[in-house]
Amino acid sequence: MKYEIIIFDADETLFDFKKSEREALKNTILKFDIEYDENYHLKVYKEVNTAIWKELENGLITQKKLKTERFKRLSDRLNVKFDEFEFAKSYMKHLSLASFLYDDSIELIENLNENYRLTIITNGLKDVQDNRIRKSIIAKYFEDIVVSEEVEVSKPDPKIFEHALNNINHTDKSKVLIVGDSLTSDIQGGINFGIDTCWFNPSKTANNTGIKPTYEISNLIEIKDILKK
């Protein structure tokens, strides 16, 4: 086999994070007695959240600060006053309880587990990912699940990949493949670390960046075809 280790991203690769995010935001806003308009509130939140996670990828903000700063910015954008610390606490509680797998994830991981060593690297917050990922029904198939907040380094920094391989006592990078949906986080991180990469691109978005994955798939099951080569 060309590969022995498959590193998976979690959210938007195996887990439907958009659905989790949608549920958590709705429940949190309603808890704060704000009349909820999904088309408006979700759109603004996604703009704020996407921007601040990009700042994390670029080393411009810490995950500790990110936890509350995104809701301070959300409050400012919505022109609605609320305590960003309490809002963050409520949101993360709701998010931690919202774990949804994509339809193909269970079958794929069960199948790959028979012949490959599997691990997860996720840019996320410990309290959220413990419930959503580590207590999910597929968690038992992974040798390790690395959460960026715990190790204080995030993708695309190669150090988090080094940490993940050290945890499972593997050194041969030529036998490692990362699968993820983010060009700037998963794929660039894999490139930075010197391993092969597989971009999961279900919407078939055009890649107008200089980031070139080793493989590209639009359906998770296509990973099997890559591994047969």
Foldseek 3Di string as FASTA:
>chain_A
DQAAEEEEAPDPFFWPLVVLLLQLVVVLCVVVVHDDDSVPLVVLLCVLLVVVVVCVQVVNDFPVCSLQVSVVVSCVVVVHDDRSVVSSVSSLVSSLQDAGTDPCNVVVLVVVLVRHAYEYEYADDDSNCCRRPCVDPSNVSHPYYHYCNVVRHFFLALVSVVVRCVSVVDDDQSNYEYEYADLRGGQNSNVVNPHAYEHAALVPDDPPDPRDHPYYDNDSVCVVVVVVD
